[in-house]
Amino acid sequence: MDTTASCARARRAVALVLAGLTVLAATTARAEEADAAYARHHRTAMPGAARSTADYPVPQVELVRADGKAVRLADEIDDGRAVVLDFVYTTCTSVCPLSSQVFESLQDQLGVERERVHLVSISIDPEQDTPERLLEYARHFEAGPRWQFYTGTVNASLAVQRAFRAYLGDKMSHPPVTLVRAGPGRPWTRFDGFATVAQILDELRQPLAAR
């Protein structure tokens, strides 16, 4: 009887071990599948950006900074600093957070050179994006004093988007575009797609070092 009971206990122990191994294998497979899905997502979300150069006439439209001050755009970005510019809106859940994460990393990696670079994010949804909402958005991405956010009237926002050929009809279809100008009077470098921090730094570092 004792032998029979011992054999039964051994069989149960083996069954439990096999069941544990089955669960472990399934968990590992799910984890590997999740890792693969994450990698696929980021390869799709951040495919790189096409680079081109152009001369864009900056419209002298009035915008409102997130601190509430009304400014003229051409004057605001013609203060001697390099400019990195993009378009965002605060309720965006796709393009804008990724672009803003790049700007967040850029301001950190610029180091002491950040004093000579003006990061500019212009709202394409000015009816919703009040200065207060932009301030909240800026805090979410830990924007420093050299990274400014702008809103204004619908017509002013459209004028800026069209001047930089970034308008495709509505906010839901706006493309990821980053524009870099190494200094006043220089041509703009345009990145269509998600520009990386390294790409932007390459456009900035040599001109900044030459000053």
N, C-alpha and C. Protein backbone atom coordinates (compact mmCIF):
# COMPACT_ATOMS: atom_id res chain seq x y z
N MET A 1 0.84 -1.21 0.00
CA MET A 1 0.00 0.00 0.00
C MET A 1 0.87 1.25 0.00
N ASP A 2 1.95 1.19 0.85
CA ASP A 2 2.85 2.34 0.91
C ASP A 2 3.51 2.57 -0.44
N THR A 3 3.89 1.49 -1.11
CA THR A 3 4.53 1.61 -2.41
C THR A 3 3.58 2.23 -3.42
N THR A 4 2.32 1.81 -3.37
CA THR A 4 1.32 2.35 -4.29
C THR A 4 1.12 3.84 -4.06
N ALA A 5 1.05 4.24 -2.80
CA ALA A 5 0.87 5.65 -2.46
C ALA A 5 2.07 6.48 -2.90
N SER A 6 3.27 5.90 -2.70
CA SER A 6 4.47 6.62 -3.11
C SER A 6 4.48 6.84 -4.62
N CYS A 7 4.07 5.79 -5.36
CA CYS A 7 4.04 5.92 -6.83
C CYS A 7 3.02 6.98 -7.26
N ALA A 8 1.89 7.02 -6.55
CA ALA A 8 0.86 8.01 -6.89
C ALA A 8 1.38 9.43 -6.63
N ARG A 9 2.09 9.57 -5.51
CA ARG A 9 2.63 10.90 -5.21
C ARG A 9 3.68 11.31 -6.24
N ALA A 10 4.49 10.36 -6.66
CA ALA A 10 5.51 10.65 -7.66
C ALA A 10 4.88 11.06 -8.99
N ARG A 11 3.78 10.33 -9.36
CA ARG A 11 3.11 10.68 -10.62
C ARG A 11 2.51 12.09 -10.55
N ARG A 12 1.94 12.43 -9.37
CA ARG A 12 1.37 13.77 -9.22
C ARG A 12 2.46 14.84 -9.30
N ALA A 13 3.61 14.54 -8.70
CA ALA A 13 4.71 15.50 -8.73
C ALA A 13 5.20 15.72 -10.15
N VAL A 14 5.32 14.61 -10.90
CA VAL A 14 5.75 14.74 -12.30
C VAL A 14 4.73 15.53 -13.10
N ALA A 15 3.44 15.26 -12.85
CA ALA A 15 2.39 15.99 -13.57
C ALA A 15 2.46 17.48 -13.26
N LEU A 16 2.70 17.81 -11.99
CA LEU A 16 2.80 19.22 -11.63
C LEU A 16 3.99 19.89 -12.30
N VAL A 17 5.13 19.18 -12.34
CA VAL A 17 6.32 19.73 -13.00
C VAL A 17 6.05 19.97 -14.48
N LEU A 18 5.42 18.95 -15.14
CA LEU A 18 5.12 19.10 -16.57
C LEU A 18 4.15 20.25 -16.81
N ALA A 19 3.16 20.40 -15.92
CA ALA A 19 2.21 21.50 -16.07
C ALA A 19 2.92 22.85 -15.91
N GLY A 20 3.84 22.92 -14.94
CA GLY A 20 4.60 24.15 -14.74
C GLY A 20 5.45 24.50 -15.95
N LEU A 21 6.07 23.46 -16.54
CA LEU A 21 6.89 23.70 -17.73
C LEU A 21 6.02 24.18 -18.89
N THR A 22 4.82 23.63 -19.00
CA THR A 22 3.91 24.05 -20.07
C THR A 22 3.53 25.51 -19.91
N VAL A 23 3.20 25.92 -18.67
CA VAL A 23 2.86 27.33 -18.40
C VAL A 23 4.04 28.23 -18.68
N LEU A 24 5.24 27.80 -18.25
CA LEU A 24 6.45 28.59 -18.47
C LEU A 24 6.70 28.79 -19.97
N ALA A 25 6.53 27.70 -20.74
CA ALA A 25 6.76 27.80 -22.18
C ALA A 25 5.76 28.75 -22.83
N ALA A 26 4.49 28.67 -22.38
CA ALA A 26 3.47 29.55 -22.94
C ALA A 26 3.76 31.00 -22.58
N THR A 27 4.17 31.25 -21.33
CA THR A 27 4.49 32.61 -20.91
C THR A 27 5.67 33.17 -21.69
N THR A 28 6.70 32.34 -21.88
CA THR A 28 7.87 32.77 -22.64
C THR A 28 7.49 33.09 -24.08
N ALA A 29 6.63 32.27 -24.66
CA ALA A 29 6.20 32.50 -26.04
C ALA A 29 5.45 33.81 -26.16
N ARG A 30 4.57 34.08 -25.17
CA ARG A 30 3.82 35.34 -25.19
C ARG A 30 4.76 36.53 -25.03
N ALA A 31 5.74 36.39 -24.17
CA ALA A 31 6.69 37.49 -23.97
C ALA A 31 7.49 37.76 -25.23
N GLU A 32 7.94 36.66 -25.88
CA GLU A 32 8.71 36.83 -27.12
C GLU A 32 7.84 37.46 -28.21
N GLU A 33 6.56 37.03 -28.24
CA GLU A 33 5.65 37.61 -29.23
C GLU A 33 5.43 39.10 -28.95
N ALA A 34 5.31 39.47 -27.67
CA ALA A 34 5.13 40.88 -27.31
C ALA A 34 6.36 41.69 -27.67
N ASP A 35 7.56 41.13 -27.40
CA ASP A 35 8.79 41.83 -27.77
C ASP A 35 8.88 42.05 -29.27
N ALA A 36 8.50 41.03 -30.03
CA ALA A 36 8.55 41.15 -31.49
C ALA A 36 7.56 42.19 -31.98
N ALA A 37 6.37 42.21 -31.35
CA ALA A 37 5.36 43.20 -31.74
C ALA A 37 5.84 44.61 -31.41
N TYR A 38 6.48 44.77 -30.24
CA TYR A 38 7.02 46.08 -29.87
C TYR A 38 8.07 46.54 -30.88
N ALA A 39 8.96 45.64 -31.26
CA ALA A 39 9.99 46.00 -32.24
C ALA A 39 9.38 46.37 -33.58
N ARG A 40 8.37 45.57 -34.00
CA ARG A 40 7.73 45.88 -35.28
C ARG A 40 7.07 47.24 -35.23
N HIS A 41 6.43 47.56 -34.09
CA HIS A 41 5.75 48.84 -33.94
C HIS A 41 6.74 49.99 -34.07
N HIS A 42 7.87 49.88 -33.41
CA HIS A 42 8.81 50.99 -33.44
C HIS A 42 9.55 51.09 -34.76
N ARG A 43 9.73 49.98 -35.44
CA ARG A 43 10.29 50.08 -36.79
C ARG A 43 9.31 50.79 -37.70
N THR A 44 8.02 50.56 -37.49
CA THR A 44 7.01 51.21 -38.31
C THR A 44 6.84 52.66 -37.91
N ALA A 45 6.83 52.93 -36.60
CA ALA A 45 6.57 54.28 -36.13
C ALA A 45 7.72 55.23 -36.40
N MET A 46 8.93 54.74 -36.41
CA MET A 46 10.10 55.58 -36.58
C MET A 46 10.93 55.12 -37.77
N PRO A 47 10.43 55.25 -38.98
CA PRO A 47 11.13 54.69 -40.12
C PRO A 47 12.28 55.54 -40.63
N GLY A 48 12.50 56.71 -40.03
CA GLY A 48 13.50 57.61 -40.55
C GLY A 48 12.83 58.69 -41.38
N ALA A 49 13.61 59.68 -41.79
CA ALA A 49 13.03 60.82 -42.47
C ALA A 49 13.82 61.14 -43.73
N ALA A 50 13.09 61.61 -44.74
CA ALA A 50 13.71 62.05 -45.99
C ALA A 50 14.17 63.50 -45.82
N ARG A 51 15.41 63.78 -46.21
CA ARG A 51 16.00 65.11 -46.02
C ARG A 51 15.98 65.90 -47.33
N SER A 52 15.65 67.18 -47.23
CA SER A 52 15.72 68.08 -48.38
C SER A 52 16.02 69.48 -47.86
N THR A 53 16.33 70.40 -48.74
CA THR A 53 16.57 71.79 -48.34
C THR A 53 15.70 72.71 -49.19
N ALA A 54 15.34 73.85 -48.61
CA ALA A 54 14.49 74.80 -49.32
C ALA A 54 14.58 76.15 -48.63
N ASP A 55 14.19 77.19 -49.35
CA ASP A 55 14.07 78.53 -48.77
C ASP A 55 12.59 78.81 -48.56
N TYR A 56 12.20 78.91 -47.31
CA TYR A 56 10.80 79.18 -46.99
C TYR A 56 10.68 80.61 -46.48
N PRO A 57 9.86 81.44 -47.13
CA PRO A 57 9.61 82.77 -46.57
C PRO A 57 8.76 82.65 -45.32
N VAL A 58 9.26 83.08 -44.18
CA VAL A 58 8.52 82.95 -42.92
C VAL A 58 7.48 84.06 -42.86
N PRO A 59 6.20 83.70 -42.74
CA PRO A 59 5.16 84.74 -42.71
C PRO A 59 5.23 85.56 -41.42
N GLN A 60 5.01 86.84 -41.57
CA GLN A 60 5.04 87.73 -40.40
C GLN A 60 3.64 87.78 -39.77
N VAL A 61 3.19 86.60 -39.31
CA VAL A 61 1.88 86.50 -38.69
C VAL A 61 2.02 86.61 -37.18
N GLU A 62 0.93 87.00 -36.54
CA GLU A 62 0.94 87.10 -35.09
C GLU A 62 0.53 85.78 -34.47
N LEU A 63 1.35 85.27 -33.57
CA LEU A 63 1.05 84.08 -32.80
C LEU A 63 1.10 84.44 -31.32
N VAL A 64 0.60 83.53 -30.50
CA VAL A 64 0.62 83.74 -29.06
C VAL A 64 1.43 82.62 -28.42
N ARG A 65 2.47 83.00 -27.70
CA ARG A 65 3.29 82.01 -27.00
C ARG A 65 2.53 81.43 -25.83
N ALA A 66 3.00 80.27 -25.37
CA ALA A 66 2.33 79.62 -24.25
C ALA A 66 2.37 80.46 -22.98
N ASP A 67 3.28 81.42 -22.91
CA ASP A 67 3.31 82.31 -21.74
C ASP A 67 2.35 83.48 -21.89
N GLY A 68 1.57 83.51 -23.00
CA GLY A 68 0.56 84.54 -23.20
C GLY A 68 1.02 85.74 -23.99
N LYS A 69 2.29 85.81 -24.35
CA LYS A 69 2.80 86.97 -25.07
C LYS A 69 2.51 86.84 -26.57
N ALA A 70 1.98 87.91 -27.18
CA ALA A 70 1.76 87.95 -28.63
C ALA A 70 3.06 88.33 -29.32
N VAL A 71 3.42 87.58 -30.37
CA VAL A 71 4.68 87.80 -31.08
C VAL A 71 4.43 87.71 -32.58
N ARG A 72 5.35 88.27 -33.36
CA ARG A 72 5.37 88.10 -34.80
C ARG A 72 6.35 86.99 -35.13
N LEU A 73 5.89 85.99 -35.86
CA LEU A 73 6.70 84.79 -36.04
C LEU A 73 8.05 85.07 -36.65
N ALA A 74 8.09 85.83 -37.75
CA ALA A 74 9.37 86.08 -38.41
C ALA A 74 10.36 86.76 -37.46
N ASP A 75 9.88 87.72 -36.67
CA ASP A 75 10.76 88.37 -35.70
C ASP A 75 11.18 87.41 -34.59
N GLU A 76 10.23 86.59 -34.17
CA GLU A 76 10.47 85.67 -33.05
C GLU A 76 11.58 84.68 -33.35
N ILE A 77 11.68 84.22 -34.59
CA ILE A 77 12.69 83.19 -34.90
C ILE A 77 13.89 83.77 -35.64
N ASP A 78 13.95 85.10 -35.73
CA ASP A 78 15.08 85.74 -36.42
C ASP A 78 15.92 86.50 -35.41
N ASP A 79 16.23 85.84 -34.30
CA ASP A 79 16.96 86.50 -33.22
C ASP A 79 18.42 86.07 -33.14
N GLY A 80 18.91 85.42 -34.20
CA GLY A 80 20.31 85.00 -34.23
C GLY A 80 20.54 83.55 -33.88
N ARG A 81 19.53 82.90 -33.29
CA ARG A 81 19.69 81.50 -32.92
C ARG A 81 19.33 80.57 -34.07
N ALA A 82 19.84 79.35 -33.99
CA ALA A 82 19.35 78.28 -34.87
C ALA A 82 17.92 77.95 -34.47
N VAL A 83 17.16 77.40 -35.43
CA VAL A 83 15.76 77.10 -35.18
C VAL A 83 15.47 75.65 -35.56
N VAL A 84 14.75 74.96 -34.70
CA VAL A 84 14.19 73.64 -35.03
C VAL A 84 12.69 73.75 -34.81
N LEU A 85 11.90 73.50 -35.84
CA LEU A 85 10.47 73.81 -35.82
C LEU A 85 9.65 72.60 -36.20
N ASP A 86 8.53 72.40 -35.49
CA ASP A 86 7.58 71.37 -35.89
C ASP A 86 6.16 71.84 -35.60
N PHE A 87 5.19 71.01 -35.97
CA PHE A 87 3.77 71.32 -35.79
C PHE A 87 3.14 70.24 -34.92
N VAL A 88 2.36 70.65 -33.93
CA VAL A 88 1.76 69.70 -33.00
C VAL A 88 0.34 70.15 -32.65
N TYR A 89 -0.40 69.29 -31.98
CA TYR A 89 -1.60 69.71 -31.27
C TYR A 89 -1.76 68.82 -30.05
N THR A 90 -2.33 69.38 -29.00
CA THR A 90 -2.20 68.75 -27.68
C THR A 90 -3.01 67.48 -27.51
N THR A 91 -4.05 67.27 -28.32
CA THR A 91 -4.85 66.05 -28.19
C THR A 91 -4.40 64.97 -29.16
N CYS A 92 -3.35 65.20 -29.88
CA CYS A 92 -2.82 64.21 -30.83
C CYS A 92 -2.29 63.00 -30.06
N THR A 93 -2.54 61.82 -30.62
CA THR A 93 -2.08 60.59 -29.96
C THR A 93 -1.13 59.78 -30.85
N SER A 94 -0.72 60.34 -31.98
CA SER A 94 0.13 59.56 -32.89
C SER A 94 1.40 60.32 -33.24
N VAL A 95 1.33 61.20 -34.20
CA VAL A 95 2.52 61.90 -34.69
C VAL A 95 3.13 62.81 -33.63
N CYS A 96 2.30 63.62 -32.98
CA CYS A 96 2.82 64.68 -32.11
C CYS A 96 3.61 64.17 -30.90
N PRO A 97 3.12 63.15 -30.17
CA PRO A 97 3.93 62.68 -29.05
C PRO A 97 5.31 62.18 -29.46
N LEU A 98 5.39 61.50 -30.60
CA LEU A 98 6.70 61.02 -31.06
C LEU A 98 7.61 62.19 -31.42
N SER A 99 7.07 63.19 -32.13
CA SER A 99 7.87 64.37 -32.48
C SER A 99 8.32 65.11 -31.23
N SER A 100 7.43 65.23 -30.26
CA SER A 100 7.77 65.95 -29.03
C SER A 100 8.80 65.18 -28.20
N GLN A 101 8.75 63.86 -28.23
CA GLN A 101 9.78 63.07 -27.55
C GLN A 101 11.15 63.32 -28.17
N VAL A 102 11.19 63.48 -29.49
CA VAL A 102 12.46 63.79 -30.15
C VAL A 102 12.96 65.15 -29.68
N PHE A 103 12.08 66.15 -29.61
CA PHE A 103 12.48 67.47 -29.14
C PHE A 103 12.95 67.41 -27.69
N GLU A 104 12.27 66.62 -26.87
CA GLU A 104 12.67 66.48 -25.47
C GLU A 104 14.09 65.93 -25.36
N SER A 105 14.38 64.90 -26.15
CA SER A 105 15.73 64.33 -26.14
C SER A 105 16.74 65.30 -26.74
N LEU A 106 16.32 66.02 -27.77
CA LEU A 106 17.23 66.97 -28.41
C LEU A 106 17.69 68.05 -27.45
N GLN A 107 16.77 68.62 -26.68
CA GLN A 107 17.17 69.69 -25.77
C GLN A 107 18.16 69.18 -24.72
N ASP A 108 18.04 67.91 -24.34
CA ASP A 108 18.99 67.34 -23.38
C ASP A 108 20.35 67.11 -24.02
N GLN A 109 20.36 66.59 -25.25
CA GLN A 109 21.62 66.25 -25.89
C GLN A 109 22.36 67.47 -26.43
N LEU A 110 21.69 68.58 -26.59
CA LEU A 110 22.38 69.79 -27.03
C LEU A 110 23.36 70.30 -25.98
N GLY A 111 23.11 69.99 -24.73
CA GLY A 111 24.01 70.42 -23.67
C GLY A 111 24.10 71.94 -23.61
N VAL A 112 25.33 72.47 -23.52
CA VAL A 112 25.52 73.93 -23.41
C VAL A 112 25.09 74.65 -24.68
N GLU A 113 25.04 73.91 -25.80
CA GLU A 113 24.66 74.54 -27.06
C GLU A 113 23.17 74.86 -27.12
N ARG A 114 22.38 74.35 -26.17
CA ARG A 114 20.94 74.61 -26.22
C ARG A 114 20.63 76.10 -26.11
N GLU A 115 21.55 76.89 -25.55
CA GLU A 115 21.32 78.34 -25.45
C GLU A 115 21.27 79.00 -26.83
N ARG A 116 21.83 78.35 -27.82
CA ARG A 116 21.89 78.95 -29.17
C ARG A 116 20.91 78.30 -30.13
N VAL A 117 19.98 77.52 -29.60
CA VAL A 117 18.99 76.84 -30.44
C VAL A 117 17.59 77.13 -29.91
N HIS A 118 16.72 77.56 -30.80
CA HIS A 118 15.33 77.85 -30.44
C HIS A 118 14.46 76.72 -30.96
N LEU A 119 13.86 75.96 -30.07
CA LEU A 119 12.93 74.91 -30.45
C LEU A 119 11.53 75.51 -30.50
N VAL A 120 10.85 75.31 -31.63
CA VAL A 120 9.57 75.96 -31.89
C VAL A 120 8.53 74.91 -32.24
N SER A 121 7.45 74.84 -31.47
CA SER A 121 6.34 73.95 -31.75
C SER A 121 5.08 74.80 -31.93
N ILE A 122 4.47 74.70 -33.10
CA ILE A 122 3.32 75.53 -33.45
C ILE A 122 2.07 74.67 -33.51
N SER A 123 1.02 75.10 -32.83
CA SER A 123 -0.22 74.33 -32.80
C SER A 123 -0.95 74.41 -34.13
N ILE A 124 -1.45 73.27 -34.58
CA ILE A 124 -2.31 73.24 -35.76
C ILE A 124 -3.78 73.09 -35.36
N ASP A 125 -4.04 73.22 -34.06
CA ASP A 125 -5.41 73.17 -33.55
C ASP A 125 -5.60 74.34 -32.59
N PRO A 126 -5.44 75.57 -33.09
CA PRO A 126 -5.44 76.72 -32.17
C PRO A 126 -6.76 76.97 -31.48
N GLU A 127 -7.87 76.49 -32.04
CA GLU A 127 -9.16 76.68 -31.38
C GLU A 127 -9.22 75.94 -30.05
N GLN A 128 -8.54 74.80 -29.96
CA GLN A 128 -8.51 74.02 -28.72
C GLN A 128 -7.27 74.31 -27.88
N ASP A 129 -6.17 74.60 -28.57
CA ASP A 129 -4.89 74.74 -27.87
C ASP A 129 -4.69 76.16 -27.38
N THR A 130 -5.24 76.44 -26.22
CA THR A 130 -5.03 77.72 -25.56
C THR A 130 -3.60 77.76 -25.00
N PRO A 131 -3.11 78.94 -24.66
CA PRO A 131 -1.79 78.99 -24.01
C PRO A 131 -1.70 78.10 -22.77
N GLU A 132 -2.79 78.02 -22.01
CA GLU A 132 -2.78 77.18 -20.81
C GLU A 132 -2.61 75.70 -21.15
N ARG A 133 -3.30 75.25 -22.19
CA ARG A 133 -3.17 73.85 -22.60
C ARG A 133 -1.78 73.57 -23.14
N LEU A 134 -1.21 74.54 -23.85
CA LEU A 134 0.15 74.35 -24.35
C LEU A 134 1.16 74.29 -23.21
N LEU A 135 0.93 75.09 -22.17
CA LEU A 135 1.82 75.02 -21.01
C LEU A 135 1.78 73.65 -20.36
N GLU A 136 0.59 73.11 -20.24
CA GLU A 136 0.45 71.76 -19.67
C GLU A 136 1.16 70.73 -20.54
N TYR A 137 0.98 70.84 -21.84
CA TYR A 137 1.64 69.93 -22.79
C TYR A 137 3.16 70.07 -22.66
N ALA A 138 3.63 71.31 -22.58
CA ALA A 138 5.07 71.55 -22.46
C ALA A 138 5.64 70.92 -21.19
N ARG A 139 4.90 71.03 -20.09
CA ARG A 139 5.37 70.42 -18.83
C ARG A 139 5.44 68.91 -18.95
N HIS A 140 4.50 68.32 -19.69
CA HIS A 140 4.49 66.87 -19.85
C HIS A 140 5.79 66.39 -20.51
N PHE A 141 6.33 67.19 -21.43
CA PHE A 141 7.57 66.81 -22.13
C PHE A 141 8.79 67.53 -21.56
N GLU A 142 8.63 68.11 -20.38
CA GLU A 142 9.75 68.74 -19.66
C GLU A 142 10.46 69.76 -20.55
N ALA A 143 9.66 70.58 -21.23
CA ALA A 143 10.24 71.60 -22.12
C ALA A 143 10.96 72.66 -21.29
N GLY A 144 12.19 72.95 -21.68
CA GLY A 144 12.96 74.00 -21.03
C GLY A 144 12.64 75.35 -21.63
N PRO A 145 13.30 76.41 -21.14
CA PRO A 145 12.98 77.77 -21.59
C PRO A 145 13.34 78.04 -23.05
N ARG A 146 14.15 77.21 -23.66
CA ARG A 146 14.51 77.43 -25.07
C ARG A 146 13.58 76.69 -26.02
N TRP A 147 12.59 76.01 -25.47
CA TRP A 147 11.59 75.31 -26.29
C TRP A 147 10.25 76.00 -26.07
N GLN A 148 9.78 76.70 -27.10
CA GLN A 148 8.58 77.50 -26.97
C GLN A 148 7.44 76.91 -27.80
N PHE A 149 6.22 77.08 -27.28
CA PHE A 149 5.01 76.61 -27.95
C PHE A 149 4.15 77.81 -28.32
N TYR A 150 3.48 77.71 -29.49
CA TYR A 150 2.74 78.85 -30.03
C TYR A 150 1.36 78.43 -30.51
N THR A 151 0.41 79.32 -30.29
CA THR A 151 -0.94 79.17 -30.82
C THR A 151 -1.33 80.48 -31.48
N GLY A 152 -2.61 80.68 -31.74
CA GLY A 152 -3.05 81.91 -32.40
C GLY A 152 -4.40 81.70 -33.05
N THR A 153 -4.68 82.46 -34.06
CA THR A 153 -5.93 82.26 -34.79
C THR A 153 -5.78 81.10 -35.76
N VAL A 154 -6.92 80.60 -36.23
CA VAL A 154 -6.89 79.54 -37.24
C VAL A 154 -6.18 80.03 -38.49
N ASN A 155 -6.48 81.25 -38.92
CA ASN A 155 -5.86 81.77 -40.14
C ASN A 155 -4.34 81.90 -39.99
N ALA A 156 -3.89 82.31 -38.81
CA ALA A 156 -2.45 82.44 -38.59
C ALA A 156 -1.77 81.08 -38.64
N SER A 157 -2.39 80.09 -37.99
CA SER A 157 -1.82 78.75 -38.00
C SER A 157 -1.76 78.19 -39.42
N LEU A 158 -2.83 78.37 -40.18
CA LEU A 158 -2.85 77.89 -41.56
C LEU A 158 -1.80 78.58 -42.40
N ALA A 159 -1.60 79.87 -42.18
CA ALA A 159 -0.60 80.61 -42.95
C ALA A 159 0.80 80.04 -42.72
N VAL A 160 1.09 79.68 -41.48
CA VAL A 160 2.42 79.12 -41.18
C VAL A 160 2.56 77.72 -41.79
N GLN A 161 1.53 76.90 -41.63
CA GLN A 161 1.59 75.55 -42.20
C GLN A 161 1.78 75.60 -43.71
N ARG A 162 1.04 76.48 -44.37
CA ARG A 162 1.16 76.57 -45.82
C ARG A 162 2.50 77.13 -46.25
N ALA A 163 3.03 78.07 -45.48
CA ALA A 163 4.34 78.63 -45.82
C ALA A 163 5.43 77.57 -45.80
N PHE A 164 5.29 76.60 -44.88
CA PHE A 164 6.28 75.52 -44.77
C PHE A 164 5.81 74.24 -45.48
N ARG A 165 4.76 74.35 -46.26
CA ARG A 165 4.23 73.21 -47.03
C ARG A 165 3.97 72.00 -46.12
N ALA A 166 3.32 72.29 -45.01
CA ALA A 166 3.01 71.23 -44.04
C ALA A 166 1.52 71.04 -43.86
N TYR A 167 0.71 71.65 -44.73
CA TYR A 167 -0.74 71.56 -44.58
C TYR A 167 -1.32 70.57 -45.58
N LEU A 168 -2.07 69.59 -45.07
CA LEU A 168 -2.68 68.59 -45.94
C LEU A 168 -4.20 68.53 -45.81
N GLY A 169 -4.80 69.55 -45.22
CA GLY A 169 -6.25 69.58 -45.19
C GLY A 169 -6.86 69.64 -43.81
N ASP A 170 -6.36 68.86 -42.87
CA ASP A 170 -6.88 68.92 -41.50
C ASP A 170 -5.85 68.33 -40.55
N LYS A 171 -6.11 68.53 -39.25
CA LYS A 171 -5.13 68.12 -38.25
C LYS A 171 -4.94 66.61 -38.20
N MET A 172 -5.99 65.85 -38.54
CA MET A 172 -5.90 64.40 -38.44
C MET A 172 -4.95 63.79 -39.47
N SER A 173 -4.70 64.52 -40.54
CA SER A 173 -3.84 63.97 -41.60
C SER A 173 -2.50 64.70 -41.69
N HIS A 174 -2.17 65.46 -40.67
CA HIS A 174 -0.92 66.23 -40.79
C HIS A 174 0.28 65.29 -40.72
N PRO A 175 1.28 65.55 -41.58
CA PRO A 175 2.44 64.66 -41.63
C PRO A 175 3.48 65.05 -40.59
N PRO A 176 4.35 64.12 -40.21
CA PRO A 176 5.48 64.51 -39.36
C PRO A 176 6.51 65.26 -40.18
N VAL A 177 6.72 66.52 -39.85
CA VAL A 177 7.68 67.37 -40.55
C VAL A 177 8.51 68.11 -39.51
N THR A 178 9.82 68.09 -39.67
CA THR A 178 10.72 68.86 -38.82
C THR A 178 11.56 69.75 -39.71
N LEU A 179 11.66 71.02 -39.34
CA LEU A 179 12.40 72.00 -40.13
C LEU A 179 13.53 72.57 -39.29
N VAL A 180 14.72 72.64 -39.89
CA VAL A 180 15.91 73.08 -39.16
C VAL A 180 16.57 74.20 -39.95
N ARG A 181 16.86 75.30 -39.27
CA ARG A 181 17.62 76.39 -39.89
C ARG A 181 18.78 76.73 -38.97
N ALA A 182 19.97 76.64 -39.50
CA ALA A 182 21.17 76.81 -38.67
C ALA A 182 21.41 78.25 -38.25
N GLY A 183 20.73 79.19 -38.88
CA GLY A 183 20.88 80.59 -38.51
C GLY A 183 20.10 81.47 -39.46
N PRO A 184 19.86 82.73 -39.09
CA PRO A 184 19.12 83.64 -39.97
C PRO A 184 19.77 83.75 -41.35
N GLY A 185 18.93 83.74 -42.37
CA GLY A 185 19.43 83.86 -43.74
C GLY A 185 19.89 82.56 -44.37
N ARG A 186 19.97 81.51 -43.59
CA ARG A 186 20.36 80.21 -44.12
C ARG A 186 19.14 79.46 -44.65
N PRO A 187 19.36 78.51 -45.57
CA PRO A 187 18.23 77.71 -46.05
C PRO A 187 17.73 76.78 -44.94
N TRP A 188 16.51 76.34 -45.10
CA TRP A 188 15.92 75.38 -44.17
C TRP A 188 16.22 73.96 -44.62
N THR A 189 16.54 73.11 -43.67
CA THR A 189 16.60 71.68 -43.92
C THR A 189 15.26 71.08 -43.47
N ARG A 190 14.68 70.30 -44.35
CA ARG A 190 13.37 69.72 -44.08
C ARG A 190 13.49 68.21 -43.94
N PHE A 191 12.88 67.67 -42.90
CA PHE A 191 12.80 66.23 -42.71
C PHE A 191 11.34 65.82 -42.80
N ASP A 192 11.00 65.05 -43.81
CA ASP A 192 9.66 64.49 -43.95
C ASP A 192 9.68 63.09 -43.36
N GLY A 193 8.93 62.90 -42.30
CA GLY A 193 9.00 61.67 -41.54
C GLY A 193 9.54 62.01 -40.16
N PHE A 194 9.79 61.00 -39.35
CA PHE A 194 10.25 61.24 -38.00
C PHE A 194 11.78 61.40 -37.98
N ALA A 195 12.21 62.65 -37.90
CA ALA A 195 13.65 62.92 -37.81
C ALA A 195 14.17 62.41 -36.47
N THR A 196 15.37 61.87 -36.48
CA THR A 196 15.99 61.43 -35.24
C THR A 196 16.79 62.58 -34.63
N VAL A 197 17.11 62.44 -33.36
CA VAL A 197 17.94 63.44 -32.70
C VAL A 197 19.28 63.55 -33.41
N ALA A 198 19.84 62.42 -33.81
CA ALA A 198 21.15 62.43 -34.48
C ALA A 198 21.09 63.22 -35.79
N GLN A 199 20.01 63.05 -36.55
CA GLN A 199 19.88 63.79 -37.80
C GLN A 199 19.82 65.29 -37.55
N ILE A 200 19.06 65.69 -36.55
CA ILE A 200 18.93 67.12 -36.25
C ILE A 200 20.26 67.68 -35.75
N LEU A 201 20.92 66.94 -34.88
CA LEU A 201 22.21 67.40 -34.36
C LEU A 201 23.23 67.56 -35.48
N ASP A 202 23.21 66.66 -36.45
CA ASP A 202 24.14 66.77 -37.58
C ASP A 202 23.95 68.10 -38.32
N GLU A 203 22.68 68.55 -38.41
CA GLU A 203 22.41 69.82 -39.10
C GLU A 203 22.84 71.02 -38.28
N LEU A 204 22.91 70.86 -36.97
CA LEU A 204 23.18 71.99 -36.10
C LEU A 204 24.63 72.12 -35.67
N ARG A 205 25.27 71.03 -35.39
CA ARG A 205 26.54 71.07 -34.67
C ARG A 205 27.65 71.78 -35.46
N GLN A 206 27.80 71.49 -36.75
CA GLN A 206 28.87 72.12 -37.52
C GLN A 206 28.68 73.63 -37.62
N PRO A 207 27.49 74.12 -37.99
CA PRO A 207 27.30 75.57 -38.02
C PRO A 207 27.49 76.24 -36.66
N LEU A 208 27.03 75.58 -35.58
CA LEU A 208 27.20 76.17 -34.25
C LEU A 208 28.67 76.24 -33.86
N ALA A 209 29.41 75.20 -34.22
CA ALA A 209 30.83 75.18 -33.89
C ALA A 209 31.60 76.25 -34.65
N ALA A 210 31.11 76.63 -35.84
CA ALA A 210 31.80 77.60 -36.68
C ALA A 210 31.59 79.03 -36.20
N ARG A 211 30.64 79.26 -35.32
CA ARG A 211 30.35 80.63 -34.87
C ARG A 211 31.38 81.11 -33.87
